Amino acid sequence: MDSSLPTDTTALNATALSATGVDAVNMDATSVAAVTELLDQVADLSDHLVFLQRLIPQALTLTEEPQATALVRQAAALISTPGSALQVRGAWQGDTPGWLRAMTRPAHAAVLPASAVHTGAPFTGAWRRTALLVVPLEDGWLALWGKRDFMAVERALIDTLAQLLDAALRAVHQRREAARYEMRERDRRQARDVWRAVTPEALRAPPGYQLALHSQPASDFGGDFQFQEADWLAVGDVSGKGLPAAIITAMFASAFTVAARSASLIRTLSEAMHDHLEHSGAFCTLAAVQVGAHGQLGLMNIGHPPVLLRRADGRLEETRASAPPLGTFALQEVELERAWLHPGDALLIYSDGLFEAEDAGGVPFGLERTRRLAAEVAPDSFIRQAVAGLWAYQVEDDLTLLALQRDPAAPGVHRTLPGDLRQLAALGDVLREVVAEDHPALLPAELALTELFVNAVRHGQAREVTVRAHASETELFVTVSDDGAPFDPRGEPAREGGELREHGYGLLIVRRCAREWHYARKDQVNRQTLRLRAPDLSPAPT
């Protein structure tokens, strides 16, 4: 053995320390051990500083939580700790043992002693005791385990790591929220553009009509829509909000363009839209009106609030939904309700944003107030008065109001007569307020009205009969309303021509002269709508 090599511990330590410049020859064993421990700590601290130097740029470029988990694992490996885990906003990143998942976020950094924590899977073998270092983050926490204890310098390293992760994860969250906000804004702009492209802010008035529209979406865009295609006007409401509702509205607009020119609007719409609506869990209400040149209307209400026909004298008639909203059931056919707009009459369509608006006490505007307003104000003021009436109400939903009025300056008449057969002579006078003596439809119209008046008074016990009429060059458009018992004379059998008896020649004249003849029972009132012309007297083909 080389006698020059030291053989005791003190000598060995002195040799090891000599490189540091420390005079170890004159130091006792305790001092050497202390200095050795200090050098070990300095070496560890140097490793920690190197790690932190690497950590800072990695933390600054952190873009997702898994990268933070990797940094925690690097720190755990540096201090010889086998187990580590990171929780961010209530979610553990990667595999985490069940015993740790059951723990709650700590209020402050702490080391739970080895006697307090037992670990199992994913470690092999029996359960074993381990110290647990926990450090809370602003929105989460991290944990390290798998060793008997954690030294102060190790706790300091992990605490520094936690502070860096807090800053880095906040930045990630803020960037992510900013990206989500930008995406939402982009979606909103796209939805607004789509919605506005298919739901114009103004519609053109058909010749001989006045049209007013108020479209007020609850946000940049809404679920309400209004279309105009061919001779159709439509107002509707798609369930839902945002881009999905805007997309469905665009699809509906495309389908409506085709359906408005088809033989059956509702069947074509249902075939085009039902599956899409059903699969997306959406539905759509629709109030559509086919507008004729001389006041003829074909009304259709599919799940929409009641459409109001406001007569020039303020009387209201409702067209309520005759079918559920599109998307709830596949619809094959919905019969149009026929009515005439006489001069001064108006059709009022509104969405649920009107009557569902609530005041400060939670009381809704209501359907009854909507009806009262429609009856009391002139049609050309309805929209303005409705919007003004909402000043004390909170409108949470989209608000759409449409008023279509027949030109009030056009020639027309409406007259209410008592239910007295002595008034028969007045029927001709009523019609002559609209047309001259030489109008081709005057005589057959007078005969037809006489028959209908007699039926209403004698068989329906009507107390009053109202006649409304206007004319074109060749036809008379007449609405006869009475408050008698329900009675549809169209179903009565007509006698052979020439039999001058009740239900005989009169009904035959009505059938011969009426190009259209419709009946409806509205709010305890019989309404007959007739389009009358001179009868075709040419012989029937043999």
Protein backbone atom coordinates (compact mmCIF):
# COMPACT_ATOMS: atom_id res chain seq x y z
CA MET A 1 0.00 0.00 0.00
CA ASP A 2 1.23 3.50 -0.85
CA SER A 3 2.12 5.03 2.52
CA SER A 4 1.62 8.50 1.03
CA LEU A 5 -2.21 8.04 0.92
CA PRO A 6 -4.14 9.05 4.05
CA THR A 7 -5.73 6.13 5.86
CA ASP A 8 -8.23 7.83 8.25
CA THR A 9 -11.46 9.68 7.55
CA THR A 10 -10.10 13.02 8.60
CA ALA A 11 -7.20 12.70 6.22
CA LEU A 12 -9.48 11.64 3.38
CA ASN A 13 -11.79 14.59 3.93
CA ALA A 14 -8.82 16.90 4.17
CA THR A 15 -7.55 15.61 0.81
CA ALA A 16 -11.02 16.10 -0.71
CA LEU A 17 -11.24 19.63 0.65
CA SER A 18 -7.76 20.68 -0.33
CA ALA A 19 -8.90 21.45 -3.85
CA THR A 20 -11.29 24.07 -2.46
CA GLY A 21 -8.50 25.95 -0.67
CA VAL A 22 -9.79 24.98 2.75
CA ASP A 23 -7.11 23.99 5.31
CA ALA A 24 -8.54 20.65 6.34
CA VAL A 25 -5.41 19.41 8.13
CA ASN A 26 -6.15 21.36 11.25
CA MET A 27 -9.95 20.67 11.24
CA ASP A 28 -11.67 18.02 13.28
CA ALA A 29 -14.02 15.40 11.81
CA THR A 30 -17.17 17.35 12.74
CA SER A 31 -15.99 20.45 10.95
CA VAL A 32 -15.05 18.47 7.87
CA ALA A 33 -18.49 16.84 7.76
CA ALA A 34 -20.18 20.24 8.08
CA VAL A 35 -18.11 21.70 5.29
CA THR A 36 -18.75 18.63 3.14
CA GLU A 37 -22.51 18.97 3.65
CA LEU A 38 -22.28 22.64 2.77
CA LEU A 39 -20.42 21.81 -0.43
CA ASP A 40 -23.11 19.25 -1.29
CA GLN A 41 -25.79 21.88 -0.76
CA VAL A 42 -23.85 24.35 -2.89
CA ALA A 43 -23.61 21.73 -5.62
CA ASP A 44 -27.38 21.06 -5.35
CA LEU A 45 -28.05 24.79 -5.42
CA SER A 46 -25.93 25.09 -8.53
CA ASP A 47 -28.01 22.35 -10.17
CA HIS A 48 -31.17 24.16 -9.09
CA LEU A 49 -29.98 27.43 -10.55
CA VAL A 50 -29.14 25.73 -13.83
CA PHE A 51 -32.63 24.19 -13.84
CA LEU A 52 -34.24 27.56 -13.13
CA GLN A 53 -32.26 29.12 -15.93
CA ARG A 54 -33.72 26.51 -18.27
CA LEU A 55 -37.16 26.76 -16.70
CA ILE A 56 -37.69 30.49 -17.16
CA PRO A 57 -37.55 30.52 -21.01
CA GLN A 58 -39.62 27.33 -21.14
CA ALA A 59 -42.24 28.89 -18.90
CA LEU A 60 -42.31 32.04 -21.01
CA THR A 61 -43.04 30.01 -24.15
CA LEU A 62 -45.54 27.67 -22.50
CA THR A 63 -48.66 27.23 -24.65
CA GLU A 64 -50.55 24.35 -23.02
CA GLU A 65 -50.92 22.53 -19.73
CA PRO A 66 -49.00 19.34 -20.73
CA GLN A 67 -45.86 21.46 -21.08
CA ALA A 68 -46.33 22.63 -17.50
CA THR A 69 -46.67 19.01 -16.41
CA ALA A 70 -43.35 18.22 -18.11
CA LEU A 71 -41.64 21.04 -16.18
CA VAL A 72 -42.99 19.67 -12.89
CA ARG A 73 -41.60 16.24 -13.77
CA GLN A 74 -38.19 17.77 -14.57
CA ALA A 75 -38.13 19.48 -11.20
CA ALA A 76 -39.19 16.25 -9.45
CA ALA A 77 -36.39 14.34 -11.18
CA LEU A 78 -33.86 17.01 -10.15
CA ILE A 79 -34.67 16.47 -6.47
CA SER A 80 -34.94 12.68 -6.88
CA THR A 81 -38.69 12.53 -6.33
CA PRO A 82 -40.43 9.73 -8.30
CA GLY A 83 -44.01 11.02 -8.12
CA SER A 84 -45.42 14.32 -9.34
CA ALA A 85 -48.75 15.64 -10.57
CA LEU A 86 -50.32 18.95 -11.62
CA GLN A 87 -53.92 20.09 -11.39
CA VAL A 88 -55.11 23.09 -13.45
CA ARG A 89 -58.62 24.54 -13.11
CA GLY A 90 -59.96 21.42 -11.44
CA ALA A 91 -58.50 18.96 -13.97
CA TRP A 92 -55.51 16.71 -13.30
CA GLN A 93 -53.01 16.66 -16.12
CA GLY A 94 -52.08 13.11 -17.14
CA ASP A 95 -52.25 9.98 -14.99
CA THR A 96 -52.83 10.73 -11.32
CA PRO A 97 -53.28 8.15 -8.54
CA GLY A 98 -56.71 7.87 -7.02
CA TRP A 99 -55.59 8.70 -3.49
CA LEU A 100 -54.32 12.06 -4.77
CA ARG A 101 -57.44 12.79 -6.82
CA ALA A 102 -59.48 12.38 -3.63
CA MET A 103 -57.58 15.21 -1.94
CA THR A 104 -58.69 18.83 -1.98
CA ARG A 105 -56.62 21.80 -3.07
CA PRO A 106 -54.35 22.94 -0.21
CA ALA A 107 -54.71 26.44 1.15
CA HIS A 108 -50.95 26.93 1.42
CA ALA A 109 -47.69 25.12 0.65
CA ALA A 110 -46.93 22.29 3.05
CA VAL A 111 -45.10 19.01 3.49
CA LEU A 112 -47.23 16.23 4.86
CA PRO A 113 -44.97 13.87 6.86
CA ALA A 114 -44.32 10.31 5.80
CA SER A 115 -46.55 9.01 8.59
CA ALA A 116 -49.54 10.87 7.20
CA VAL A 117 -49.60 9.71 3.57
CA HIS A 118 -49.86 6.23 2.09
CA THR A 119 -49.48 5.56 -1.63
CA GLY A 120 -50.48 2.62 -3.71
CA ALA A 121 -50.89 2.23 -7.49
CA PRO A 122 -49.27 3.10 -9.80
CA PHE A 123 -46.35 2.00 -7.57
CA THR A 124 -45.69 -1.71 -7.31
CA GLY A 125 -45.70 -3.64 -4.09
CA ALA A 126 -47.49 -2.95 -0.85
CA TRP A 127 -48.68 0.41 0.31
CA ARG A 128 -45.86 2.55 1.60
CA ARG A 129 -45.47 5.74 3.51
CA THR A 130 -44.17 8.84 1.76
CA ALA A 131 -43.89 12.52 2.45
CA LEU A 132 -46.08 14.70 0.23
CA LEU A 133 -45.11 18.20 -0.88
CA VAL A 134 -48.15 20.26 -1.93
CA VAL A 135 -48.04 23.79 -3.33
CA PRO A 136 -51.18 25.72 -4.33
CA LEU A 137 -51.33 27.65 -7.59
CA GLU A 138 -53.72 30.47 -8.38
CA ASP A 139 -56.08 28.06 -10.13
CA GLY A 140 -54.83 24.59 -9.22
CA TRP A 141 -52.04 22.91 -7.30
CA LEU A 142 -49.07 20.60 -7.69
CA ALA A 143 -47.91 17.64 -5.62
CA LEU A 144 -44.67 15.68 -5.31
CA TRP A 145 -44.23 12.42 -3.41
CA GLY A 146 -42.16 9.24 -3.15
CA LYS A 147 -39.44 10.14 -0.64
CA ARG A 148 -39.14 10.35 3.15
CA ASP A 149 -38.76 14.11 3.40
CA PHE A 150 -38.10 17.29 1.43
CA MET A 151 -35.22 19.57 2.30
CA ALA A 152 -35.64 23.31 2.57
CA VAL A 153 -33.73 23.94 -0.65
CA GLU A 154 -36.00 21.46 -2.47
CA ARG A 155 -39.11 23.17 -1.13
CA ALA A 156 -37.67 26.52 -2.23
CA LEU A 157 -37.10 25.18 -5.75
CA ILE A 158 -40.66 23.86 -6.04
CA ASP A 159 -42.07 27.09 -4.60
CA THR A 160 -40.16 29.08 -7.25
CA LEU A 161 -41.41 26.66 -9.89
CA ALA A 162 -44.99 27.20 -8.68
CA GLN A 163 -44.66 30.98 -9.00
CA LEU A 164 -43.33 30.66 -12.56
CA LEU A 165 -46.08 28.21 -13.49
CA ASP A 166 -48.73 30.51 -12.05
CA ALA A 167 -47.58 33.33 -14.32
CA ALA A 168 -47.19 31.04 -17.33
CA LEU A 169 -50.58 29.31 -16.90
CA ARG A 170 -52.34 32.64 -16.43
CA ALA A 171 -50.81 33.80 -19.71
CA VAL A 172 -51.93 30.57 -21.42
CA HIS A 173 -55.45 31.01 -20.05
CA GLN A 174 -55.60 34.65 -21.12
CA ARG A 175 -54.40 33.83 -24.62
CA ARG A 176 -56.91 31.02 -24.84
CA GLU A 177 -59.75 33.25 -23.65
CA ALA A 178 -58.68 35.93 -26.11
CA ALA A 179 -58.74 33.36 -28.91
CA ARG A 180 -62.19 32.14 -27.81
CA TYR A 181 -63.45 35.70 -27.66
CA GLU A 182 -62.11 36.38 -31.15
CA MET A 183 -63.74 33.17 -32.37
CA ARG A 184 -67.05 34.16 -30.79
CA GLU A 185 -66.77 37.60 -32.34
CA ARG A 186 -66.00 36.08 -35.73
CA ASP A 187 -68.95 33.71 -35.39
CA ARG A 188 -71.17 36.62 -34.37
CA ARG A 189 -70.07 38.69 -37.37
CA GLN A 190 -70.62 35.74 -39.69
CA ALA A 191 -74.03 35.00 -38.17
CA ARG A 192 -75.02 38.66 -38.41
CA ASP A 193 -73.98 38.80 -42.07
CA VAL A 194 -75.84 35.57 -42.87
CA TRP A 195 -78.95 36.62 -40.96
CA ARG A 196 -79.08 40.10 -42.46
CA ALA A 197 -78.50 38.75 -45.98
CA VAL A 198 -81.68 36.65 -45.79
CA THR A 199 -83.77 38.88 -43.51
CA PRO A 200 -83.85 42.34 -45.09
CA GLU A 201 -84.62 45.37 -42.93
CA ALA A 202 -87.26 46.53 -45.44
CA LEU A 203 -89.81 44.79 -47.66
CA ARG A 204 -91.50 46.25 -50.72
CA ALA A 205 -95.22 47.00 -50.56
CA PRO A 206 -97.30 45.15 -53.16
CA PRO A 207 -99.21 47.49 -55.51
CA GLY A 208 -102.35 48.82 -53.82
CA TYR A 209 -101.02 48.14 -50.30
CA GLN A 210 -99.06 49.93 -47.61
CA LEU A 211 -96.44 47.88 -45.76
CA ALA A 212 -94.52 48.72 -42.58
CA LEU A 213 -91.91 46.54 -40.88
CA HIS A 214 -90.04 46.74 -37.58
CA SER A 215 -87.20 44.23 -37.12
CA GLN A 216 -85.36 44.42 -33.80
CA PRO A 217 -83.08 41.46 -33.01
CA ALA A 218 -82.20 40.85 -29.37
CA SER A 219 -78.49 40.95 -30.31
CA ASP A 220 -76.53 41.50 -33.52
CA PHE A 221 -78.76 38.92 -35.14
CA GLY A 222 -81.84 37.03 -34.14
CA GLY A 223 -84.00 34.00 -34.68
CA ASP A 224 -86.81 36.07 -36.19
CA PHE A 225 -86.95 36.46 -39.97
CA GLN A 226 -89.04 38.02 -42.69
CA PHE A 227 -89.06 36.91 -46.33
CA GLN A 228 -90.70 38.14 -49.51
CA GLU A 229 -90.86 35.90 -52.53
CA ALA A 230 -93.23 36.00 -55.51
CA ASP A 231 -96.64 36.91 -54.06
CA TRP A 232 -95.77 35.65 -50.56
CA LEU A 233 -94.84 37.52 -47.40
CA ALA A 234 -93.60 35.53 -44.43
CA VAL A 235 -92.61 36.20 -40.83
CA GLY A 236 -91.19 33.46 -38.64
CA ASP A 237 -89.06 32.52 -35.67
CA VAL A 238 -86.31 29.91 -35.57
CA SER A 239 -85.61 28.43 -32.14
CA GLY A 240 -82.16 28.98 -30.69
CA LYS A 241 -79.69 31.79 -31.12
CA GLY A 242 -76.34 32.56 -32.64
CA LEU A 243 -74.70 31.03 -35.68
CA PRO A 244 -76.77 27.77 -35.63
CA ALA A 245 -80.02 29.77 -35.79
CA ALA A 246 -78.59 32.03 -38.51
CA ILE A 247 -77.58 28.98 -40.57
CA ILE A 248 -81.06 27.44 -40.23
CA THR A 249 -82.59 30.79 -41.20
CA ALA A 250 -80.43 30.89 -44.33
CA MET A 251 -81.47 27.33 -45.19
CA PHE A 252 -85.10 28.27 -44.59
CA ALA A 253 -84.78 31.30 -46.87
CA SER A 254 -83.42 29.12 -49.69
CA ALA A 255 -86.17 26.55 -49.21
CA PHE A 256 -88.83 29.27 -49.05
CA THR A 257 -87.70 30.70 -52.39
CA VAL A 258 -88.43 27.33 -54.03
CA ALA A 259 -91.55 26.57 -51.98
CA ALA A 260 -93.18 29.92 -52.78
CA ARG A 261 -93.24 28.96 -56.45
CA SER A 262 -94.40 25.38 -55.93
CA ALA A 263 -97.89 23.94 -55.87
CA SER A 264 -97.80 23.46 -52.09
CA LEU A 265 -95.69 25.82 -50.03
CA ILE A 266 -95.95 23.98 -46.73
CA ARG A 267 -95.35 20.49 -48.13
CA THR A 268 -92.27 21.70 -50.02
CA LEU A 269 -90.94 23.50 -46.93
CA SER A 270 -91.54 20.48 -44.74
CA GLU A 271 -89.80 18.14 -47.16
CA ALA A 272 -86.82 20.48 -47.40
CA MET A 273 -86.49 21.44 -43.73
CA HIS A 274 -88.07 18.86 -41.42
CA ASP A 275 -85.13 16.45 -41.20
CA HIS A 276 -82.61 19.25 -40.69
CA LEU A 277 -84.72 20.82 -37.96
CA GLU A 278 -85.46 17.53 -36.24
CA HIS A 279 -81.82 16.35 -36.24
CA SER A 280 -80.61 19.70 -34.88
CA GLY A 281 -83.32 19.78 -32.21
CA ALA A 282 -84.67 23.05 -33.62
CA PHE A 283 -88.10 24.16 -34.81
CA CYS A 284 -89.54 27.09 -36.69
CA THR A 285 -92.82 28.99 -36.56
CA LEU A 286 -94.18 30.61 -39.69
CA ALA A 287 -96.90 33.10 -40.54
CA ALA A 288 -97.17 33.34 -44.32
CA VAL A 289 -99.61 35.31 -46.45
CA GLN A 290 -100.21 35.08 -50.17
CA VAL A 291 -101.21 38.55 -51.37
CA GLY A 292 -103.51 39.04 -54.36
CA ALA A 293 -103.74 42.16 -56.49
CA HIS A 294 -107.23 43.14 -55.30
CA GLY A 295 -107.05 42.39 -51.58
CA GLN A 296 -107.25 38.61 -51.74
CA LEU A 297 -105.28 36.92 -48.97
CA GLY A 298 -104.29 33.31 -48.38
CA LEU A 299 -103.25 32.97 -44.72
CA MET A 300 -101.18 30.22 -43.15
CA ASN A 301 -100.16 30.04 -39.48
CA ILE A 302 -97.73 27.27 -38.50
CA GLY A 303 -97.12 27.48 -34.75
CA HIS A 304 -96.88 31.30 -34.82
CA PRO A 305 -98.72 33.76 -32.51
CA PRO A 306 -102.21 34.69 -33.72
CA VAL A 307 -102.26 36.84 -36.86
CA LEU A 308 -104.70 39.73 -36.61
CA LEU A 309 -106.95 40.89 -39.44
CA ARG A 310 -107.86 44.42 -38.38
CA ARG A 311 -110.91 45.79 -40.17
CA ALA A 312 -111.16 49.48 -41.02
CA ASP A 313 -113.74 49.96 -38.23
CA GLY A 314 -111.41 48.42 -35.62
CA ARG A 315 -112.96 44.96 -35.46
CA LEU A 316 -110.44 42.13 -35.16
CA GLU A 317 -110.39 38.65 -36.63
CA GLU A 318 -107.71 36.15 -35.64
CA THR A 319 -105.95 33.48 -37.64
CA ARG A 320 -104.54 31.10 -35.07
CA ALA A 321 -102.04 28.33 -35.67
CA SER A 322 -103.58 25.42 -37.54
CA ALA A 323 -100.45 23.23 -37.33
CA PRO A 324 -97.47 22.81 -34.98
CA PRO A 325 -94.12 24.47 -35.77
CA LEU A 326 -92.00 23.02 -38.52
CA GLY A 327 -89.53 20.50 -37.15
CA THR A 328 -91.93 19.02 -34.59
CA PHE A 329 -93.94 16.86 -36.99
CA ALA A 330 -93.63 16.22 -40.71
CA LEU A 331 -96.39 18.28 -42.34
CA GLN A 332 -97.96 17.28 -45.64
CA GLU A 333 -100.57 19.94 -46.26
CA VAL A 334 -102.02 22.95 -44.47
CA GLU A 335 -105.11 24.57 -45.92
CA LEU A 336 -104.90 28.29 -46.56
CA GLU A 337 -107.46 30.48 -44.84
CA ARG A 338 -108.97 32.88 -47.35
CA ALA A 339 -109.95 36.45 -46.56
CA TRP A 340 -110.20 39.81 -48.28
CA LEU A 341 -108.50 43.02 -47.24
CA HIS A 342 -110.97 45.74 -48.11
CA PRO A 343 -109.79 49.37 -48.30
CA GLY A 344 -108.51 50.41 -44.85
CA ASP A 345 -108.30 46.82 -43.58
CA ALA A 346 -104.90 45.59 -42.39
CA LEU A 347 -103.09 42.37 -41.56
CA LEU A 348 -100.91 42.57 -38.43
CA ILE A 349 -98.19 39.98 -37.78
CA TYR A 350 -95.93 40.05 -34.72
CA SER A 351 -93.46 37.80 -32.93
CA ASP A 352 -93.49 36.67 -29.30
CA GLY A 353 -90.94 39.37 -28.45
CA LEU A 354 -93.91 41.75 -28.21
CA PHE A 355 -96.33 40.04 -25.85
CA GLU A 356 -93.65 38.26 -23.79
CA ALA A 357 -91.84 41.51 -22.90
CA GLU A 358 -92.06 42.10 -19.13
CA ASP A 359 -92.18 45.21 -16.97
CA ALA A 360 -90.16 45.71 -13.78
CA GLY A 361 -92.70 43.65 -11.83
CA GLY A 362 -92.47 40.70 -14.22
CA VAL A 363 -95.89 41.36 -15.78
CA PRO A 364 -95.85 40.61 -19.53
CA PHE A 365 -97.14 42.97 -22.21
CA GLY A 366 -99.56 40.16 -23.05
CA LEU A 367 -101.74 39.08 -25.94
CA GLU A 368 -104.79 40.92 -24.65
CA ARG A 369 -102.96 44.26 -24.63
CA THR A 370 -101.66 43.47 -28.11
CA ARG A 371 -105.22 42.92 -29.36
CA ARG A 372 -106.49 46.05 -27.63
CA LEU A 373 -103.74 48.14 -29.18
CA ALA A 374 -104.44 46.69 -32.62
CA ALA A 375 -108.13 47.55 -32.33
CA GLU A 376 -107.69 51.06 -30.93
CA VAL A 377 -104.97 52.55 -33.14
CA ALA A 378 -104.95 53.04 -36.90
CA PRO A 379 -103.03 50.31 -38.76
CA ASP A 380 -100.39 52.75 -39.97
CA SER A 381 -99.72 53.66 -36.32
CA PHE A 382 -99.75 50.14 -34.88
CA ILE A 383 -96.01 49.53 -35.09
CA ARG A 384 -95.09 52.96 -33.78
CA GLN A 385 -97.52 52.70 -30.87
CA ALA A 386 -96.45 49.13 -30.05
CA VAL A 387 -92.76 50.10 -29.88
CA ALA A 388 -93.59 53.19 -27.82
CA GLY A 389 -95.73 51.09 -25.49
CA LEU A 390 -92.71 48.92 -24.68
CA TRP A 391 -90.68 51.76 -23.12
CA ALA A 392 -91.34 50.42 -19.60
CA TYR A 393 -90.85 46.78 -20.61
CA GLN A 394 -87.75 44.64 -20.93
CA VAL A 395 -87.67 43.07 -24.40
CA GLU A 396 -85.55 39.93 -24.02
CA ASP A 397 -86.41 38.27 -27.32
CA ASP A 398 -86.31 39.32 -30.96
CA LEU A 399 -89.11 41.71 -31.89
CA THR A 400 -90.69 41.67 -35.35
CA LEU A 401 -93.80 43.64 -36.32
CA LEU A 402 -95.37 43.74 -39.78
CA ALA A 403 -98.43 45.70 -40.90
CA LEU A 404 -99.90 45.17 -44.37
CA GLN A 405 -102.77 47.56 -45.10
CA ARG A 406 -105.04 47.81 -48.13
CA ASP A 407 -104.95 51.37 -49.45
CA PRO A 408 -107.53 53.22 -47.31
CA ALA A 409 -108.08 55.78 -50.08
CA ALA A 410 -109.33 53.12 -52.52
CA PRO A 411 -113.11 52.90 -53.08
CA GLY A 412 -114.81 50.54 -50.67
CA VAL A 413 -117.70 50.23 -48.26
CA HIS A 414 -118.52 48.53 -44.99
CA ARG A 415 -121.99 48.66 -43.52
CA THR A 416 -123.56 46.89 -40.54
CA LEU A 417 -127.28 46.21 -40.93
CA PRO A 418 -129.71 44.97 -38.29
CA GLY A 419 -130.90 41.38 -38.66
CA ASP A 420 -134.23 42.40 -40.20
CA LEU A 421 -135.50 41.18 -43.57
CA ARG A 422 -136.82 44.70 -44.21
CA GLN A 423 -133.17 45.64 -44.78
CA LEU A 424 -132.97 43.59 -47.98
CA ALA A 425 -133.53 46.66 -50.12
CA ALA A 426 -130.49 48.31 -48.54
CA LEU A 427 -128.15 45.63 -49.84
CA GLY A 428 -128.25 47.01 -53.35
CA ASP A 429 -127.59 50.53 -52.04
CA VAL A 430 -124.51 49.26 -50.18
CA LEU A 431 -123.06 47.76 -53.35
CA ARG A 432 -123.85 50.87 -55.40
CA GLU A 433 -121.58 52.86 -53.09
CA VAL A 434 -118.74 50.93 -54.65
CA VAL A 435 -119.73 50.33 -58.29
CA ALA A 436 -121.81 51.99 -60.97
CA GLU A 437 -125.09 50.63 -62.27
CA ASP A 438 -123.42 49.20 -65.34
CA HIS A 439 -120.83 47.14 -63.44
CA PRO A 440 -121.11 43.58 -64.80
CA ALA A 441 -121.06 41.98 -61.34
CA LEU A 442 -123.60 44.26 -59.64
CA LEU A 443 -126.80 42.36 -60.34
CA PRO A 444 -125.51 38.84 -59.56
CA ALA A 445 -123.81 40.22 -56.43
CA GLU A 446 -127.07 41.80 -55.28
CA LEU A 447 -128.94 38.54 -55.79
CA ALA A 448 -126.22 36.55 -54.01
CA LEU A 449 -126.14 38.92 -51.02
CA THR A 450 -129.92 38.74 -50.75
CA GLU A 451 -129.77 34.95 -50.45
CA LEU A 452 -126.98 35.04 -47.84
CA PHE A 453 -128.71 37.77 -45.82
CA VAL A 454 -131.96 35.79 -45.71
CA ASN A 455 -130.12 32.63 -44.60
CA ALA A 456 -128.31 34.47 -41.82
CA VAL A 457 -131.42 36.17 -40.44
CA ARG A 458 -134.08 33.51 -40.94
CA HIS A 459 -132.07 30.39 -40.10
CA GLY A 460 -129.13 31.68 -38.10
CA GLN A 461 -131.19 34.22 -36.09
CA ALA A 462 -128.48 36.82 -36.74
CA ARG A 463 -128.99 40.10 -34.93
CA GLU A 464 -126.71 42.01 -37.28
CA VAL A 465 -125.05 41.46 -40.63
CA THR A 466 -121.98 43.35 -41.82
CA VAL A 467 -121.20 43.75 -45.49
CA ARG A 468 -117.77 44.89 -46.73
CA ALA A 469 -117.06 45.29 -50.42
CA HIS A 470 -114.72 46.72 -53.01
CA ALA A 471 -114.42 46.10 -56.74
CA SER A 472 -112.15 45.67 -59.71
CA GLU A 473 -113.25 46.39 -63.26
CA THR A 474 -115.03 43.08 -63.62
CA GLU A 475 -115.45 41.64 -60.11
CA LEU A 476 -116.82 42.46 -56.69
CA PHE A 477 -114.97 41.34 -53.55
CA VAL A 478 -117.44 40.91 -50.71
CA THR A 479 -117.18 39.81 -47.08
CA VAL A 480 -120.44 39.00 -45.27
CA SER A 481 -120.26 38.56 -41.47
CA ASP A 482 -123.11 37.73 -39.12
CA ASP A 483 -123.49 36.85 -35.44
CA GLY A 484 -125.99 34.07 -36.02
CA ALA A 485 -125.70 30.36 -35.28
CA PRO A 486 -122.97 28.46 -37.13
CA PHE A 487 -124.15 27.87 -40.68
CA ASP A 488 -122.17 27.13 -43.83
CA PRO A 489 -124.55 27.52 -46.80
CA ARG A 490 -122.04 26.04 -49.20
CA GLY A 491 -123.06 22.59 -48.00
CA GLU A 492 -126.76 23.12 -48.70
CA PRO A 493 -128.09 21.31 -51.78
CA ALA A 494 -129.25 23.67 -54.50
CA ARG A 495 -132.57 23.13 -56.30
CA GLU A 496 -132.84 22.82 -60.01
CA GLY A 497 -132.45 26.09 -61.85
CA GLY A 498 -135.59 28.14 -62.01
CA GLU A 499 -137.13 26.86 -58.79
CA LEU A 500 -137.87 30.13 -57.00
CA ARG A 501 -137.86 28.74 -53.52
CA GLU A 502 -135.68 29.01 -50.49
CA HIS A 503 -132.18 27.55 -51.01
CA GLY A 504 -133.05 27.18 -54.67
CA TYR A 505 -132.33 29.84 -57.26
CA GLY A 506 -130.44 32.04 -54.75
CA LEU A 507 -127.76 29.45 -53.96
CA LEU A 508 -127.54 28.56 -57.63
CA ILE A 509 -126.80 32.21 -58.43
CA VAL A 510 -124.15 32.37 -55.72
CA ARG A 511 -122.45 29.27 -57.11
CA ARG A 512 -122.67 30.50 -60.70
CA CYS A 513 -121.37 33.98 -59.89
CA ALA A 514 -118.74 33.21 -57.26
CA ARG A 515 -115.28 32.60 -58.61
CA GLU A 516 -114.33 32.03 -54.96
CA TRP A 517 -116.58 31.36 -51.96
CA HIS A 518 -115.10 30.65 -48.54
CA TYR A 519 -116.61 30.19 -45.11
CA ALA A 520 -115.05 30.48 -41.64
CA ARG A 521 -116.37 30.66 -38.10
CA LYS A 522 -114.43 33.37 -36.20
CA ASP A 523 -115.09 34.32 -32.57
CA GLN A 524 -118.81 33.44 -32.66
CA VAL A 525 -119.18 35.11 -36.05
CA ASN A 526 -119.88 33.53 -39.45
CA ARG A 527 -117.68 34.99 -42.18
CA GLN A 528 -118.29 34.39 -45.88
CA THR A 529 -115.80 35.66 -48.40
CA LEU A 530 -116.91 35.92 -52.01
CA ARG A 531 -115.31 36.93 -55.27
CA LEU A 532 -118.27 37.67 -57.54
CA ARG A 533 -118.46 38.22 -61.29
CA ALA A 534 -121.08 38.09 -64.00
CA PRO A 535 -122.10 34.46 -64.56
CA ASP A 536 -120.89 32.55 -67.58
CA LEU A 537 -124.07 32.00 -69.60
CA SER A 538 -122.48 30.10 -72.44
CA PRO A 539 -123.99 26.63 -72.89
CA ALA A 540 -122.20 23.75 -71.31
CA PRO A 541 -120.28 21.57 -73.75
CA THR A 542 -122.17 18.49 -74.87
